Amino acid sequence: MEELKSKCSKCGGRMVQGFIPDRLGGGALVGNWIEGPPKKSFWTGTKAPMDGGIPIAVFRCANCGFMEFYSRDEFAAS
């Protein structure tokens, strides 16, 4: 996927792969895309299934800062 997103669609700059972490205690998790609208939870703020979802990667332009988000299984932590 990185080679597919090598150039920014806005300015033509170099795209760099990264992720936006979900913080959990002292650690970080790769964020996941969950189908459907968010639902409120009294205890946690938002209900989300503990399993499932598709990992999210973010490609950011090193020149202009434009970001594109992609959700694919290959973006899970390795």
PDB file of N, CA and C in Angstrom:
ATOM      1  N   MET A   1       0.828  -1.199   0.000  1.00  0.00           N
ATOM      2  CA  MET A   1       0.000   0.000   0.000  1.00  0.00           C
ATOM      3  C   MET A   1       0.864   1.251   0.000  1.00  0.00           C
ATOM      4  N   GLU A   2       1.989   1.250   0.699  1.00  0.00           N
ATOM      5  CA  GLU A   2       2.819   2.458   0.775  1.00  0.00           C
ATOM      6  C   GLU A   2       3.225   2.945  -0.605  1.00  0.00           C
ATOM      7  N   GLU A   3       3.582   2.004  -1.503  1.00  0.00           N
ATOM      8  CA  GLU A   3       3.972   2.431  -2.831  1.00  0.00           C
ATOM      9  C   GLU A   3       2.798   3.032  -3.594  1.00  0.00           C
ATOM     10  N   LEU A   4       1.585   2.638  -3.265  1.00  0.00           N
ATOM     11  CA  LEU A   4       0.410   3.218  -3.910  1.00  0.00           C
ATOM     12  C   LEU A   4       0.161   4.645  -3.448  1.00  0.00           C
ATOM     13  N   LYS A   5       0.567   4.972  -2.229  1.00  0.00           N
ATOM     14  CA  LYS A   5       0.350   6.307  -1.681  1.00  0.00           C
ATOM     15  C   LYS A   5       1.671   7.058  -1.574  1.00  0.00           C
ATOM     16  N   SER A   6       2.510   6.967  -2.577  1.00  0.00           N
ATOM     17  CA  SER A   6       3.816   7.594  -2.517  1.00  0.00           C
ATOM     18  C   SER A   6       3.759   9.096  -2.799  1.00  0.00           C
ATOM     19  N   LYS A   7       2.698   9.565  -3.493  1.00  0.00           N
ATOM     20  CA  LYS A   7       2.581  10.993  -3.807  1.00  0.00           C
ATOM     21  C   LYS A   7       1.270  11.560  -3.289  1.00  0.00           C
ATOM     22  N   CYS A   8       1.349  12.758  -2.734  1.00  0.00           N
ATOM     23  CA  CYS A   8       0.181  13.478  -2.215  1.00  0.00           C
ATOM     24  C   CYS A   8      -0.750  13.860  -3.361  1.00  0.00           C
ATOM     25  N   SER A   9      -2.037  13.620  -3.179  1.00  0.00           N
ATOM     26  CA  SER A   9      -3.014  13.978  -4.211  1.00  0.00           C
ATOM     27  C   SER A   9      -3.281  15.476  -4.258  1.00  0.00           C
ATOM     28  N   LYS A  10      -2.820  16.225  -3.256  1.00  0.00           N
ATOM     29  CA  LYS A  10      -3.032  17.679  -3.226  1.00  0.00           C
ATOM     30  C   LYS A  10      -1.861  18.448  -3.823  1.00  0.00           C
ATOM     31  N   CYS A  11      -0.615  18.103  -3.403  1.00  0.00           N
ATOM     32  CA  CYS A  11       0.541  18.904  -3.829  1.00  0.00           C
ATOM     33  C   CYS A  11       1.636  18.091  -4.514  1.00  0.00           C
ATOM     34  N   GLY A  12       1.500  16.763  -4.540  1.00  0.00           N
ATOM     35  CA  GLY A  12       2.507  15.918  -5.167  1.00  0.00           C
ATOM     36  C   GLY A  12       3.686  15.585  -4.274  1.00  0.00           C
ATOM     37  N   GLY A  13       3.632  16.017  -2.994  1.00  0.00           N
ATOM     38  CA  GLY A  13       4.712  15.741  -2.045  1.00  0.00           C
ATOM     39  C   GLY A  13       4.776  14.272  -1.658  1.00  0.00           C
ATOM     40  N   ARG A  14       5.794  13.909  -0.892  1.00  0.00           N
ATOM     41  CA  ARG A  14       6.013  12.519  -0.462  1.00  0.00           C
ATOM     42  C   ARG A  14       5.083  12.168   0.690  1.00  0.00           C
ATOM     43  N   MET A  15       4.370  11.043   0.579  1.00  0.00           N
ATOM     44  CA  MET A  15       3.476  10.563   1.629  1.00  0.00           C
ATOM     45  C   MET A  15       4.239   9.614   2.548  1.00  0.00           C
ATOM     46  N   VAL A  16       4.022   9.750   3.856  1.00  0.00           N
ATOM     47  CA  VAL A  16       4.679   8.937   4.866  1.00  0.00           C
ATOM     48  C   VAL A  16       3.603   8.201   5.659  1.00  0.00           C
ATOM     49  N   GLN A  17       3.764   6.868   5.819  1.00  0.00           N
ATOM     50  CA  GLN A  17       2.781   6.077   6.561  1.00  0.00           C
ATOM     51  C   GLN A  17       2.980   6.235   8.059  1.00  0.00           C
ATOM     52  N   GLY A  18       1.866   6.307   8.803  1.00  0.00           N
ATOM     53  CA  GLY A  18       1.886   6.360  10.258  1.00  0.00           C
ATOM     54  C   GLY A  18       0.547   5.874  10.793  1.00  0.00           C
ATOM     55  N   PHE A  19       0.276   6.162  12.061  1.00  0.00           N
ATOM     56  CA  PHE A  19      -1.012   5.808  12.646  1.00  0.00           C
ATOM     57  C   PHE A  19      -1.325   6.768  13.776  1.00  0.00           C
ATOM     58  N   ILE A  20      -2.595   6.847  14.141  1.00  0.00           N
ATOM     59  CA  ILE A  20      -3.036   7.636  15.286  1.00  0.00           C
ATOM     60  C   ILE A  20      -3.334   6.642  16.397  1.00  0.00           C
ATOM     61  N   PRO A  21      -2.575   6.679  17.497  1.00  0.00           N
ATOM     62  CA  PRO A  21      -2.738   5.656  18.527  1.00  0.00           C
ATOM     63  C   PRO A  21      -4.002   5.832  19.356  1.00  0.00           C
ATOM     64  N   ASP A  22      -4.568   4.708  19.752  1.00  0.00           N
ATOM     65  CA  ASP A  22      -5.602   4.666  20.787  1.00  0.00           C
ATOM     66  C   ASP A  22      -4.855   4.420  22.085  1.00  0.00           C
ATOM     67  N   ARG A  23      -4.928   5.340  23.017  1.00  0.00           N
ATOM     68  CA  ARG A  23      -4.200   5.205  24.285  1.00  0.00           C
ATOM     69  C   ARG A  23      -4.963   4.289  25.229  1.00  0.00           C
ATOM     70  N   LEU A  24      -4.228   3.413  25.896  1.00  0.00           N
ATOM     71  CA  LEU A  24      -4.817   2.478  26.843  1.00  0.00           C
ATOM     72  C   LEU A  24      -3.853   2.341  28.008  1.00  0.00           C
ATOM     73  N   GLY A  25      -4.164   2.985  29.124  1.00  0.00           N
ATOM     74  CA  GLY A  25      -3.244   2.963  30.260  1.00  0.00           C
ATOM     75  C   GLY A  25      -1.938   3.606  29.856  1.00  0.00           C
ATOM     76  N   GLY A  26      -0.829   2.884  29.984  1.00  0.00           N
ATOM     77  CA  GLY A  26       0.470   3.407  29.596  1.00  0.00           C
ATOM     78  C   GLY A  26       0.884   3.009  28.198  1.00  0.00           C
ATOM     79  N   GLY A  27       0.035   2.286  27.479  1.00  0.00           N
ATOM     80  CA  GLY A  27       0.400   1.806  26.149  1.00  0.00           C
ATOM     81  C   GLY A  27      -0.415   2.449  25.057  1.00  0.00           C
ATOM     82  N   ALA A  28      -0.208   1.958  23.852  1.00  0.00           N
ATOM     83  CA  ALA A  28      -0.929   2.472  22.692  1.00  0.00           C
ATOM     84  C   ALA A  28      -1.343   1.316  21.802  1.00  0.00           C
ATOM     85  N   LEU A  29      -2.498   1.435  21.188  1.00  0.00           N
ATOM     86  CA  LEU A  29      -3.019   0.447  20.247  1.00  0.00           C
ATOM     87  C   LEU A  29      -3.215   1.121  18.898  1.00  0.00           C
ATOM     88  N   VAL A  30      -3.193   0.333  17.840  1.00  0.00           N
ATOM     89  CA  VAL A  30      -3.539   0.842  16.513  1.00  0.00           C
ATOM     90  C   VAL A  30      -5.050   1.021  16.488  1.00  0.00           C
ATOM     91  N   GLY A  31      -5.522   2.178  16.038  1.00  0.00           N
ATOM     92  CA  GLY A  31      -6.955   2.422  15.949  1.00  0.00           C
ATOM     93  C   GLY A  31      -7.616   1.489  14.951  1.00  0.00           C
ATOM     94  N   ASN A  32      -8.893   1.215  15.140  1.00  0.00           N
ATOM     95  CA  ASN A  32      -9.658   0.344  14.253  1.00  0.00           C
ATOM     96  C   ASN A  32     -10.893   1.058  13.734  1.00  0.00           C
ATOM     97  N   TRP A  33     -11.247   0.743  12.493  1.00  0.00           N
ATOM     98  CA  TRP A  33     -12.498   1.205  11.919  1.00  0.00           C
ATOM     99  C   TRP A  33     -13.569   0.211  12.329  1.00  0.00           C
ATOM    100  N   ILE A  34     -14.682   0.736  12.854  1.00  0.00           N
ATOM    101  CA  ILE A  34     -15.826  -0.084  13.268  1.00  0.00           C
ATOM    102  C   ILE A  34     -17.032   0.356  12.440  1.00  0.00           C
ATOM    103  N   GLU A  35     -17.707  -0.594  11.833  1.00  0.00           N
ATOM    104  CA  GLU A  35     -18.863  -0.267  11.001  1.00  0.00           C
ATOM    105  C   GLU A  35     -20.009   0.280  11.842  1.00  0.00           C
ATOM    106  N   GLY A  36     -20.718   1.261  11.300  1.00  0.00           N
ATOM    107  CA  GLY A  36     -21.902   1.829  11.944  1.00  0.00           C
ATOM    108  C   GLY A  36     -21.591   3.072  12.758  1.00  0.00           C
ATOM    109  N   PRO A  37     -22.637   3.786  13.166  1.00  0.00           N
ATOM    110  CA  PRO A  37     -22.444   5.000  13.959  1.00  0.00           C
ATOM    111  C   PRO A  37     -22.053   4.659  15.395  1.00  0.00           C
ATOM    112  N   PRO A  38     -21.330   5.553  16.075  1.00  0.00           N
ATOM    113  CA  PRO A  38     -20.978   5.300  17.472  1.00  0.00           C
ATOM    114  C   PRO A  38     -22.216   5.329  18.359  1.00  0.00           C
ATOM    115  N   LYS A  39     -22.183   4.533  19.419  1.00  0.00           N
ATOM    116  CA  LYS A  39     -23.281   4.493  20.391  1.00  0.00           C
ATOM    117  C   LYS A  39     -22.729   4.835  21.763  1.00  0.00           C
ATOM    118  N   LYS A  40     -23.477   5.622  22.506  1.00  0.00           N
ATOM    119  CA  LYS A  40     -23.042   6.049  23.832  1.00  0.00           C
ATOM    120  C   LYS A  40     -23.009   4.886  24.821  1.00  0.00           C
ATOM    121  N   SER A  41     -22.072   4.975  25.764  1.00  0.00           N
ATOM    122  CA  SER A  41     -21.984   4.031  26.870  1.00  0.00           C
ATOM    123  C   SER A  41     -21.864   4.838  28.151  1.00  0.00           C
ATOM    124  N   PHE A  42     -22.647   4.493  29.150  1.00  0.00           N
ATOM    125  CA  PHE A  42     -22.607   5.194  30.431  1.00  0.00           C
ATOM    126  C   PHE A  42     -21.229   5.071  31.072  1.00  0.00           C
ATOM    127  N   TRP A  43     -20.596   3.887  30.960  1.00  0.00           N
ATOM    128  CA  TRP A  43     -19.339   3.620  31.656  1.00  0.00           C
ATOM    129  C   TRP A  43     -18.103   4.049  30.875  1.00  0.00           C
ATOM    130  N   THR A  44     -18.099   3.872  29.553  1.00  0.00           N
ATOM    131  CA  THR A  44     -16.875   4.118  28.790  1.00  0.00           C
ATOM    132  C   THR A  44     -16.962   5.283  27.817  1.00  0.00           C
ATOM    133  N   GLY A  45     -18.108   5.910  27.693  1.00  0.00           N
ATOM    134  CA  GLY A  45     -18.267   7.029  26.757  1.00  0.00           C
ATOM    135  C   GLY A  45     -18.817   6.583  25.411  1.00  0.00           C
ATOM    136  N   THR A  46     -18.200   5.555  24.825  1.00  0.00           N
ATOM    137  CA  THR A  46     -18.648   5.032  23.538  1.00  0.00           C
ATOM    138  C   THR A  46     -18.556   3.515  23.553  1.00  0.00           C
ATOM    139  N   LYS A  47     -19.616   2.849  23.083  1.00  0.00           N
ATOM    140  CA  LYS A  47     -19.596   1.392  22.980  1.00  0.00           C
ATOM    141  C   LYS A  47     -18.807   0.990  21.743  1.00  0.00           C
ATOM    142  N   ALA A  48     -17.954  -0.023  21.890  1.00  0.00           N
ATOM    143  CA  ALA A  48     -17.223  -0.577  20.753  1.00  0.00           C
ATOM    144  C   ALA A  48     -16.940  -2.044  21.051  1.00  0.00           C
ATOM    145  N   PRO A  49     -17.056  -2.896  20.048  1.00  0.00           N
ATOM    146  CA  PRO A  49     -16.757  -4.307  20.285  1.00  0.00           C
ATOM    147  C   PRO A  49     -15.280  -4.491  20.617  1.00  0.00           C
ATOM    148  N   MET A  50     -14.976  -5.432  21.491  1.00  0.00           N
ATOM    149  CA  MET A  50     -13.590  -5.687  21.880  1.00  0.00           C
ATOM    150  C   MET A  50     -12.827  -6.412  20.775  1.00  0.00           C
ATOM    151  N   ASP A  51     -13.530  -7.192  19.968  1.00  0.00           N
ATOM    152  CA  ASP A  51     -12.871  -7.836  18.837  1.00  0.00           C
ATOM    153  C   ASP A  51     -13.498  -7.291  17.560  1.00  0.00           C
ATOM    154  N   GLY A  52     -12.865  -7.516  16.477  1.00  0.00           N
ATOM    155  CA  GLY A  52     -13.377  -7.024  15.212  1.00  0.00           C
ATOM    156  C   GLY A  52     -12.828  -5.646  14.894  1.00  0.00           C
ATOM    157  N   GLY A  53     -13.294  -5.079  13.859  1.00  0.00           N
ATOM    158  CA  GLY A  53     -12.774  -3.813  13.397  1.00  0.00           C
ATOM    159  C   GLY A  53     -11.586  -4.045  12.465  1.00  0.00           C
ATOM    160  N   ILE A  54     -11.234  -3.038  11.719  1.00  0.00           N
ATOM    161  CA  ILE A  54     -10.144  -3.131  10.755  1.00  0.00           C
ATOM    162  C   ILE A  54      -9.123  -2.048  11.089  1.00  0.00           C
ATOM    163  N   PRO A  55      -7.835  -2.415  11.235  1.00  0.00           N
ATOM    164  CA  PRO A  55      -6.810  -1.444  11.608  1.00  0.00           C
ATOM    165  C   PRO A  55      -6.728  -0.274  10.619  1.00  0.00           C
ATOM    166  N   ILE A  56      -6.395   0.897  11.146  1.00  0.00           N
ATOM    167  CA  ILE A  56      -6.313   2.125  10.354  1.00  0.00           C
ATOM    168  C   ILE A  56      -4.861   2.570  10.234  1.00  0.00           C
ATOM    169  N   ALA A  57      -4.453   2.931   9.016  1.00  0.00           N
ATOM    170  CA  ALA A  57      -3.168   3.588   8.778  1.00  0.00           C
ATOM    171  C   ALA A  57      -3.468   4.972   8.227  1.00  0.00           C
ATOM    172  N   VAL A  58      -2.590   5.898   8.516  1.00  0.00           N
ATOM    173  CA  VAL A  58      -2.738   7.265   8.030  1.00  0.00           C
ATOM    174  C   VAL A  58      -1.502   7.607   7.211  1.00  0.00           C
ATOM    175  N   PHE A  59      -1.709   8.120   6.026  1.00  0.00           N
ATOM    176  CA  PHE A  59      -0.607   8.585   5.193  1.00  0.00           C
ATOM    177  C   PHE A  59      -0.634  10.107   5.215  1.00  0.00           C
ATOM    178  N   ARG A  60       0.509  10.713   5.605  1.00  0.00           N
ATOM    179  CA  ARG A  60       0.617  12.168   5.762  1.00  0.00           C
ATOM    180  C   ARG A  60       1.646  12.714   4.783  1.00  0.00           C
ATOM    181  N   CYS A  61       1.290  13.800   4.109  1.00  0.00           N
ATOM    182  CA  CYS A  61       2.206  14.443   3.178  1.00  0.00           C
ATOM    183  C   CYS A  61       3.282  15.185   3.966  1.00  0.00           C
ATOM    184  N   ALA A  62       4.555  14.899   3.674  1.00  0.00           N
ATOM    185  CA  ALA A  62       5.677  15.553   4.344  1.00  0.00           C
ATOM    186  C   ALA A  62       5.787  17.017   3.941  1.00  0.00           C
ATOM    187  N   ASN A  63       5.150  17.395   2.834  1.00  0.00           N
ATOM    188  CA  ASN A  63       5.235  18.767   2.345  1.00  0.00           C
ATOM    189  C   ASN A  63       4.104  19.649   2.876  1.00  0.00           C
ATOM    190  N   CYS A  64       2.844  19.256   2.638  1.00  0.00           N
ATOM    191  CA  CYS A  64       1.708  20.126   2.995  1.00  0.00           C
ATOM    192  C   CYS A  64       0.919  19.652   4.212  1.00  0.00           C
ATOM    193  N   GLY A  65       1.162  18.422   4.690  1.00  0.00           N
ATOM    194  CA  GLY A  65       0.469  17.917   5.873  1.00  0.00           C
ATOM    195  C   GLY A  65      -0.860  17.243   5.601  1.00  0.00           C
ATOM    196  N   PHE A  66      -1.294  17.182   4.357  1.00  0.00           N
ATOM    197  CA  PHE A  66      -2.555  16.518   4.016  1.00  0.00           C
ATOM    198  C   PHE A  66      -2.486  15.063   4.456  1.00  0.00           C
ATOM    199  N   MET A  67      -3.595  14.536   5.001  1.00  0.00           N
ATOM    200  CA  MET A  67      -3.625  13.152   5.465  1.00  0.00           C
ATOM    201  C   MET A  67      -4.740  12.368   4.793  1.00  0.00           C
ATOM    202  N   GLU A  68      -4.448  11.090   4.510  1.00  0.00           N
ATOM    203  CA  GLU A  68      -5.432  10.151   3.983  1.00  0.00           C
ATOM    204  C   GLU A  68      -5.448   8.939   4.893  1.00  0.00           C
ATOM    205  N   PHE A  69      -6.643   8.494   5.262  1.00  0.00           N
ATOM    206  CA  PHE A  69      -6.825   7.347   6.150  1.00  0.00           C
ATOM    207  C   PHE A  69      -7.252   6.137   5.327  1.00  0.00           C
ATOM    208  N   TYR A  70      -6.649   4.974   5.646  1.00  0.00           N
ATOM    209  CA  TYR A  70      -7.016   3.722   4.992  1.00  0.00           C
ATOM    210  C   TYR A  70      -7.189   2.661   6.070  1.00  0.00           C
ATOM    211  N   SER A  71      -8.143   1.789   5.882  1.00  0.00           N
ATOM    212  CA  SER A  71      -8.429   0.733   6.845  1.00  0.00           C
ATOM    213  C   SER A  71      -8.319  -0.615   6.143  1.00  0.00           C
ATOM    214  N   ARG A  72      -7.264  -1.379   6.525  1.00  0.00           N
ATOM    215  CA  ARG A  72      -7.011  -2.695   5.927  1.00  0.00           C
ATOM    216  C   ARG A  72      -6.369  -3.584   6.985  1.00  0.00           C
ATOM    217  N   ASP A  73      -6.611  -4.881   6.899  1.00  0.00           N
ATOM    218  CA  ASP A  73      -6.054  -5.833   7.851  1.00  0.00           C
ATOM    219  C   ASP A  73      -4.531  -5.760   7.934  1.00  0.00           C
ATOM    220  N   GLU A  74      -3.865  -5.453   6.832  1.00  0.00           N
ATOM    221  CA  GLU A  74      -2.399  -5.403   6.800  1.00  0.00           C
ATOM    222  C   GLU A  74      -1.805  -4.298   7.682  1.00  0.00           C
ATOM    223  N   PHE A  75      -2.623  -3.378   8.170  1.00  0.00           N
ATOM    224  CA  PHE A  75      -2.122  -2.291   9.002  1.00  0.00           C
ATOM    225  C   PHE A  75      -2.115  -2.621  10.493  1.00  0.00           C
ATOM    226  N   ALA A  76      -2.426  -3.859  10.851  1.00  0.00           N
ATOM    227  CA  ALA A  76      -2.353  -4.272  12.260  1.00  0.00           C
ATOM    228  C   ALA A  76      -0.905  -4.224  12.737  1.00  0.00           C
ATOM    229  N   ALA A  77      -0.706  -4.022  14.028  1.00  0.00           N
ATOM    230  CA  ALA A  77       0.647  -4.009  14.598  1.00  0.00           C
ATOM    231  C   ALA A  77       1.311  -5.357  14.326  1.00  0.00           C
ATOM    232  N   SER A  78       2.580  -5.311  13.985  1.00  0.00           N
ATOM    233  CA  SER A  78       3.297  -6.577  13.698  1.00  0.00           C
ATOM    234  C   SER A  78       4.406  -6.811  14.702  1.00  0.00           C
TER     235      SER A  78
END
